[in-house]
Amino acid sequence: MSEINKAIRCNVDSYRFHDHSRQYCTLDGIKVGSECDCSKEKCDTECASFEYMD
């Protein structure tokens, strides 16, 4: 398996680039998105660490 990226934690077991034993992503970077560009809630995004910026 590829080297882990310690900056990108991952717990999605079905994800192709998930390192199951260490709970990290093996990609160098990821793309995070949302349904709109006015998201105020974490559930509106695909980012578990989302926080709204006032």
Protein backbone atom coordinates (compact mmCIF):
# COMPACT_ATOMS: atom_id res chain seq x y z
CA MET A 1 0.00 0.00 0.00
CA SER A 2 1.10 3.59 -0.61
CA GLU A 3 2.54 5.83 2.07
CA ILE A 4 -0.07 7.48 4.27
CA ASN A 5 -0.70 11.22 4.34
CA LYS A 6 -0.75 12.09 8.04
CA ALA A 7 -2.54 15.37 7.24
CA ILE A 8 -5.62 13.57 5.84
CA ARG A 9 -7.41 11.32 8.32
CA CYS A 10 -9.97 8.96 6.80
CA ASN A 11 -12.50 6.53 8.24
CA VAL A 12 -14.44 5.66 5.06
CA ASP A 13 -13.87 1.91 4.79
CA SER A 14 -15.14 1.66 1.20
CA TYR A 15 -12.80 4.43 -0.02
CA ARG A 16 -10.19 3.16 -2.48
CA PHE A 17 -7.38 5.24 -0.96
CA HIS A 18 -8.17 4.45 2.70
CA ASP A 19 -5.37 2.86 4.73
CA HIS A 20 -7.53 0.60 6.90
CA SER A 21 -4.91 -0.21 9.50
CA ARG A 22 -3.92 3.40 10.21
CA GLN A 23 -7.15 5.32 9.32
CA TYR A 24 -5.46 7.73 6.89
CA CYS A 25 -5.73 8.59 3.21
CA THR A 26 -2.92 7.52 0.89
CA LEU A 27 -3.42 10.39 -1.59
CA ASP A 28 -1.21 13.49 -1.61
CA GLY A 29 -4.31 15.71 -1.57
CA ILE A 30 -8.10 15.61 -1.73
CA LYS A 31 -10.93 17.75 -3.14
CA VAL A 32 -13.67 18.80 -0.71
CA GLY A 33 -17.02 19.99 -2.07
CA SER A 34 -20.51 21.10 -1.20
CA GLU A 35 -23.90 21.35 -2.90
CA CYS A 36 -23.70 25.16 -2.89
CA ASP A 37 -21.09 27.82 -2.22
CA CYS A 38 -23.07 29.26 0.71
CA SER A 39 -22.81 26.32 3.16
CA LYS A 40 -23.15 27.19 6.83
CA GLU A 41 -23.56 23.67 8.26
CA LYS A 42 -21.21 20.69 8.17
CA CYS A 43 -24.01 18.51 6.80
CA ASP A 44 -24.13 20.74 3.68
CA THR A 45 -20.54 19.77 2.79
CA GLU A 46 -18.41 16.69 2.21
CA CYS A 47 -15.98 17.86 4.91
CA ALA A 48 -16.13 16.34 8.39
CA SER A 49 -13.95 19.14 9.82
CA PHE A 50 -16.04 21.98 8.31
CA GLU A 51 -16.55 25.11 10.43
CA TYR A 52 -18.49 28.13 9.17
CA MET A 53 -16.42 31.28 8.63
CA ASP A 54 -18.33 34.46 9.64
